[in-house]
Amino acid sequence: MDFLNDLFRIPLAILPFYLVVIVIAFTVHEFSHAYFANKFGDPTAKLLGRVTLNPTVHFDFFGILLLLIAGFGWARPVPVNRDNFARPRLMGIVVSIAGPLSNFVLAIIGSFIYAVLIHTGYIESMTNLKLQEAIATFLYYFSFMNFFLFLFNLIPLPPLDGYRILEDLVPPKVRAKLQQWEQWSIFIFLLILFIPALRAFTIDPIYELTKFLYLNFIQMFLVLLGG
């Protein structure tokens, strides 16, 4: 058991909750990209069956496995042909930001539900302590992970959505220069993940901001509910 805990960065006790959260978060994220791309006139994702909330069409097995082992991973990217958009750069930005925003919305929903259950005393009133703990654990990870994915995906490094947004914001000449560095993106990520000094300036601040968002949204909802 210790070996498995060492192999998988996520504690085994919460692994089922974490996996369910990731399934929902990744599926809604990729669906949002596909939905808006199709809405704006690019049928590429729809023709590939990606405009769906069926998680099996969005998941990349190796990406999920790496997420559990190394702490970062990915779903199957939604293919987008911006040439099909009436306004490629503007609509490209909307399609790119739709994924992170969907995680932000999920995080808010999860935080609100958790705040309602705290305000009403529903969780504390449950006699089944295991069920009480399960609900609280799930809602915590559901909100926290979606806030984290929202922020993480805005990092301007390929293949993250923040990079795609940056591509559509900068002039074509700058975009061409940026694309020359895309092949090195995986190595950049590995350096960030495994060099503590780089993590301290990238992932760690995102983690701290995630905690700030989570705690403040819970507190805000409790205040609004009068709790």
Protein backbone atom coordinates (compact mmCIF):
# COMPACT_ATOMS: atom_id res chain seq x y z
CA MET A 1 0.00 0.00 0.00
CA ASP A 2 2.86 2.39 0.77
CA PHE A 3 4.29 1.61 -2.65
CA LEU A 4 1.02 2.59 -4.31
CA ASN A 5 0.83 5.77 -2.29
CA ASP A 6 4.36 6.63 -3.41
CA LEU A 7 3.57 5.78 -7.04
CA PHE A 8 0.39 7.83 -7.20
CA ARG A 9 0.74 11.39 -5.96
CA ILE A 10 -2.95 11.44 -5.01
CA PRO A 11 -3.60 9.62 -1.68
CA LEU A 12 -5.45 6.36 -2.31
CA ALA A 13 -8.16 7.29 0.20
CA ILE A 14 -9.31 10.20 -1.95
CA LEU A 15 -8.41 8.76 -5.36
CA PRO A 16 -12.05 7.81 -6.25
CA PHE A 17 -13.25 11.37 -5.52
CA TYR A 18 -10.35 12.84 -7.46
CA LEU A 19 -11.01 10.66 -10.50
CA VAL A 20 -14.71 11.56 -10.60
CA VAL A 21 -13.83 15.25 -10.35
CA ILE A 22 -11.27 14.96 -13.15
CA VAL A 23 -13.73 13.09 -15.38
CA ILE A 24 -16.31 15.86 -14.97
CA ALA A 25 -13.83 18.75 -15.18
CA PHE A 26 -11.99 17.49 -18.28
CA THR A 27 -15.18 16.45 -20.07
CA VAL A 28 -16.94 19.78 -19.58
CA HIS A 29 -13.74 21.64 -20.48
CA GLU A 30 -13.25 19.88 -23.82
CA PHE A 31 -16.99 19.90 -24.60
CA SER A 32 -16.99 23.68 -24.18
CA HIS A 33 -14.20 24.08 -26.73
CA ALA A 34 -16.00 21.81 -29.19
CA TYR A 35 -19.42 23.38 -28.65
CA PHE A 36 -18.31 26.96 -29.30
CA ALA A 37 -16.10 26.00 -32.23
CA ASN A 38 -19.08 24.33 -33.87
CA LYS A 39 -21.34 27.24 -32.92
CA PHE A 40 -18.99 29.66 -34.68
CA GLY A 41 -18.91 27.67 -37.89
CA ASP A 42 -16.11 25.12 -37.52
CA PRO A 43 -17.61 21.59 -37.77
CA THR A 44 -14.26 19.81 -37.23
CA ALA A 45 -14.93 18.79 -33.64
CA LYS A 46 -18.54 17.86 -34.36
CA LEU A 47 -17.54 15.60 -37.25
CA LEU A 48 -15.18 13.81 -34.85
CA GLY A 49 -17.94 13.35 -32.28
CA ARG A 50 -16.44 15.78 -29.77
CA VAL A 51 -19.54 17.93 -29.19
CA THR A 52 -20.69 15.61 -26.43
CA LEU A 53 -20.54 15.17 -22.67
CA ASN A 54 -19.52 11.54 -23.10
CA PRO A 55 -16.16 11.44 -21.24
CA THR A 56 -14.79 8.49 -23.22
CA VAL A 57 -14.31 10.59 -26.37
CA HIS A 58 -12.36 13.30 -24.53
CA PHE A 59 -9.97 11.24 -22.44
CA ASP A 60 -6.35 10.48 -23.16
CA PHE A 61 -5.28 7.45 -21.11
CA PHE A 62 -1.62 8.44 -20.89
CA GLY A 63 -2.55 12.01 -19.98
CA ILE A 64 -4.72 10.85 -17.09
CA LEU A 65 -2.13 8.34 -15.90
CA LEU A 66 0.55 11.02 -15.90
CA LEU A 67 -1.78 13.32 -13.99
CA LEU A 68 -2.03 10.76 -11.19
CA ILE A 69 1.68 9.95 -11.14
CA ALA A 70 3.39 13.26 -11.93
CA GLY A 71 0.71 15.74 -10.94
CA PHE A 72 -0.03 17.07 -14.42
CA GLY A 73 -1.80 15.63 -17.43
CA TRP A 74 -4.26 16.36 -20.18
CA ALA A 75 -7.38 15.28 -22.05
CA ARG A 76 -7.55 14.83 -25.82
CA PRO A 77 -7.25 18.31 -27.37
CA VAL A 78 -10.24 19.44 -29.42
CA PRO A 79 -9.16 20.12 -33.03
CA VAL A 80 -10.14 23.61 -34.16
CA ASN A 81 -9.79 25.08 -37.64
CA ARG A 82 -9.91 28.84 -37.14
CA ASP A 83 -10.13 29.42 -40.90
CA ASN A 84 -13.78 28.37 -40.67
CA PHE A 85 -14.61 31.25 -38.33
CA ALA A 86 -16.08 34.49 -39.69
CA ARG A 87 -13.70 36.38 -37.39
CA PRO A 88 -10.87 33.91 -36.75
CA ARG A 89 -8.93 35.78 -34.07
CA LEU A 90 -11.91 36.96 -32.00
CA MET A 91 -13.79 33.68 -32.22
CA GLY A 92 -10.55 31.78 -31.65
CA ILE A 93 -10.11 33.60 -28.34
CA VAL A 94 -13.69 32.79 -27.30
CA VAL A 95 -13.25 29.11 -28.18
CA SER A 96 -9.95 28.96 -26.29
CA ILE A 97 -11.22 30.67 -23.16
CA ALA A 98 -14.45 28.64 -23.11
CA GLY A 99 -12.63 25.65 -21.58
CA PRO A 100 -11.11 27.44 -18.57
CA LEU A 101 -14.31 29.43 -18.02
CA SER A 102 -16.30 26.20 -17.90
CA ASN A 103 -14.05 25.02 -15.04
CA PHE A 104 -14.55 28.36 -13.30
CA VAL A 105 -18.34 27.96 -13.53
CA LEU A 106 -18.14 24.40 -12.19
CA ALA A 107 -15.99 25.62 -9.29
CA ILE A 108 -18.53 28.31 -8.42
CA ILE A 109 -21.39 25.80 -8.55
CA GLY A 110 -19.49 23.39 -6.30
CA SER A 111 -18.61 26.16 -3.83
CA PHE A 112 -22.21 27.35 -3.71
CA ILE A 113 -23.57 23.87 -3.04
CA TYR A 114 -20.99 23.33 -0.31
CA ALA A 115 -21.85 26.69 1.26
CA VAL A 116 -25.58 25.85 1.18
CA LEU A 117 -24.96 22.51 2.91
CA ILE A 118 -22.85 24.25 5.57
CA HIS A 119 -25.41 27.03 6.03
CA THR A 120 -28.33 24.64 6.39
CA GLY A 121 -26.35 22.33 8.67
CA TYR A 122 -27.24 19.43 6.41
CA ILE A 123 -23.81 17.82 6.45
CA GLU A 124 -23.39 18.14 10.24
CA SER A 125 -26.83 16.64 10.81
CA MET A 126 -26.04 13.43 8.95
CA THR A 127 -25.78 10.39 11.20
CA ASN A 128 -23.72 8.45 8.67
CA LEU A 129 -20.23 9.86 9.26
CA LYS A 130 -18.72 8.12 6.24
CA LEU A 131 -21.35 9.63 3.95
CA GLN A 132 -20.83 13.01 5.61
CA GLU A 133 -17.09 12.82 4.97
CA ALA A 134 -17.61 11.61 1.39
CA ILE A 135 -19.89 14.52 0.48
CA ALA A 136 -17.59 17.09 2.06
CA THR A 137 -14.49 15.56 0.40
CA PHE A 138 -16.08 15.41 -3.03
CA LEU A 139 -17.36 19.00 -2.94
CA TYR A 140 -14.00 20.26 -1.71
CA TYR A 141 -12.05 18.59 -4.52
CA PHE A 142 -14.72 19.44 -7.09
CA SER A 143 -14.47 23.14 -6.29
CA PHE A 144 -10.73 23.27 -5.64
CA MET A 145 -9.65 21.32 -8.73
CA ASN A 146 -11.90 23.30 -11.05
CA PHE A 147 -10.53 26.58 -9.71
CA PHE A 148 -7.02 25.20 -10.21
CA LEU A 149 -7.74 24.04 -13.78
CA PHE A 150 -9.23 27.43 -14.59
CA LEU A 151 -6.03 29.20 -13.53
CA PHE A 152 -3.58 26.57 -14.77
CA ASN A 153 -5.01 26.52 -18.27
CA LEU A 154 -4.49 30.27 -18.58
CA ILE A 155 -0.69 29.83 -18.43
CA PRO A 156 0.61 31.11 -21.80
CA LEU A 157 2.56 27.95 -22.66
CA PRO A 158 1.60 25.47 -25.40
CA PRO A 159 -0.61 23.53 -25.54
CA LEU A 160 -2.57 25.31 -22.79
CA ASP A 161 -5.47 27.61 -23.59
CA GLY A 162 -3.60 30.65 -22.34
CA TYR A 163 -1.10 30.16 -25.14
CA ARG A 164 -3.84 29.85 -27.77
CA ILE A 165 -5.39 33.08 -26.47
CA LEU A 166 -1.99 34.78 -26.65
CA GLU A 167 -1.54 33.55 -30.23
CA ASP A 168 -4.75 35.26 -31.29
CA LEU A 169 -3.91 38.48 -29.45
CA VAL A 170 -0.43 39.11 -30.84
CA PRO A 171 0.40 40.25 -34.41
CA PRO A 172 0.94 37.49 -37.04
CA LYS A 173 4.74 38.02 -37.06
CA VAL A 174 4.94 37.48 -33.30
CA ARG A 175 2.65 34.45 -33.58
CA ALA A 176 4.98 32.89 -36.16
CA LYS A 177 7.92 33.33 -33.79
CA LEU A 178 5.95 31.84 -30.89
CA GLN A 179 5.09 28.76 -32.94
CA GLN A 180 8.79 28.03 -33.40
CA TRP A 181 8.99 27.27 -29.67
CA GLU A 182 5.95 24.96 -29.48
CA GLN A 183 8.07 21.82 -29.98
CA TRP A 184 9.88 22.57 -26.71
CA SER A 185 6.72 22.94 -24.63
CA ILE A 186 6.82 19.47 -23.05
CA PHE A 187 10.41 20.00 -21.91
CA ILE A 188 9.48 23.37 -20.42
CA PHE A 189 6.69 21.72 -18.45
CA LEU A 190 9.00 19.00 -17.18
CA LEU A 191 11.51 21.60 -16.02
CA ILE A 192 8.75 23.52 -14.22
CA LEU A 193 7.44 20.39 -12.54
CA PHE A 194 10.71 18.90 -11.36
CA ILE A 195 12.86 21.94 -10.58
CA PRO A 196 11.68 23.40 -7.25
CA ALA A 197 12.93 26.91 -8.04
CA LEU A 198 10.82 27.02 -11.22
CA ARG A 199 7.78 25.57 -9.46
CA ALA A 200 8.08 28.31 -6.85
CA PHE A 201 7.48 30.94 -9.54
CA THR A 202 4.83 29.08 -11.57
CA ILE A 203 2.77 26.24 -10.08
CA ASP A 204 3.06 27.26 -6.42
CA PRO A 205 1.56 30.75 -6.91
CA ILE A 206 -1.30 29.20 -8.90
CA TYR A 207 -1.91 26.75 -6.05
CA GLU A 208 -1.96 29.60 -3.52
CA LEU A 209 -4.33 31.64 -5.69
CA THR A 210 -6.55 28.56 -6.01
CA LYS A 211 -6.80 28.33 -2.22
CA PHE A 212 -7.59 32.05 -2.07
CA LEU A 213 -10.42 31.71 -4.62
CA TYR A 214 -11.86 28.62 -2.98
CA LEU A 215 -11.92 30.03 0.55
CA ASN A 216 -13.20 33.43 -0.52
CA PHE A 217 -16.02 32.06 -2.66
CA ILE A 218 -17.15 29.79 0.17
CA GLN A 219 -17.03 32.72 2.58
CA MET A 220 -18.85 35.01 0.14
CA PHE A 221 -21.64 32.51 -0.39
CA LEU A 222 -21.99 31.96 3.36
CA VAL A 223 -22.31 35.72 3.86
CA LEU A 224 -24.91 35.96 1.08
CA LEU A 225 -26.82 33.07 2.65
CA GLY A 226 -26.69 34.81 6.00
CA GLY A 227 -24.44 32.20 7.61
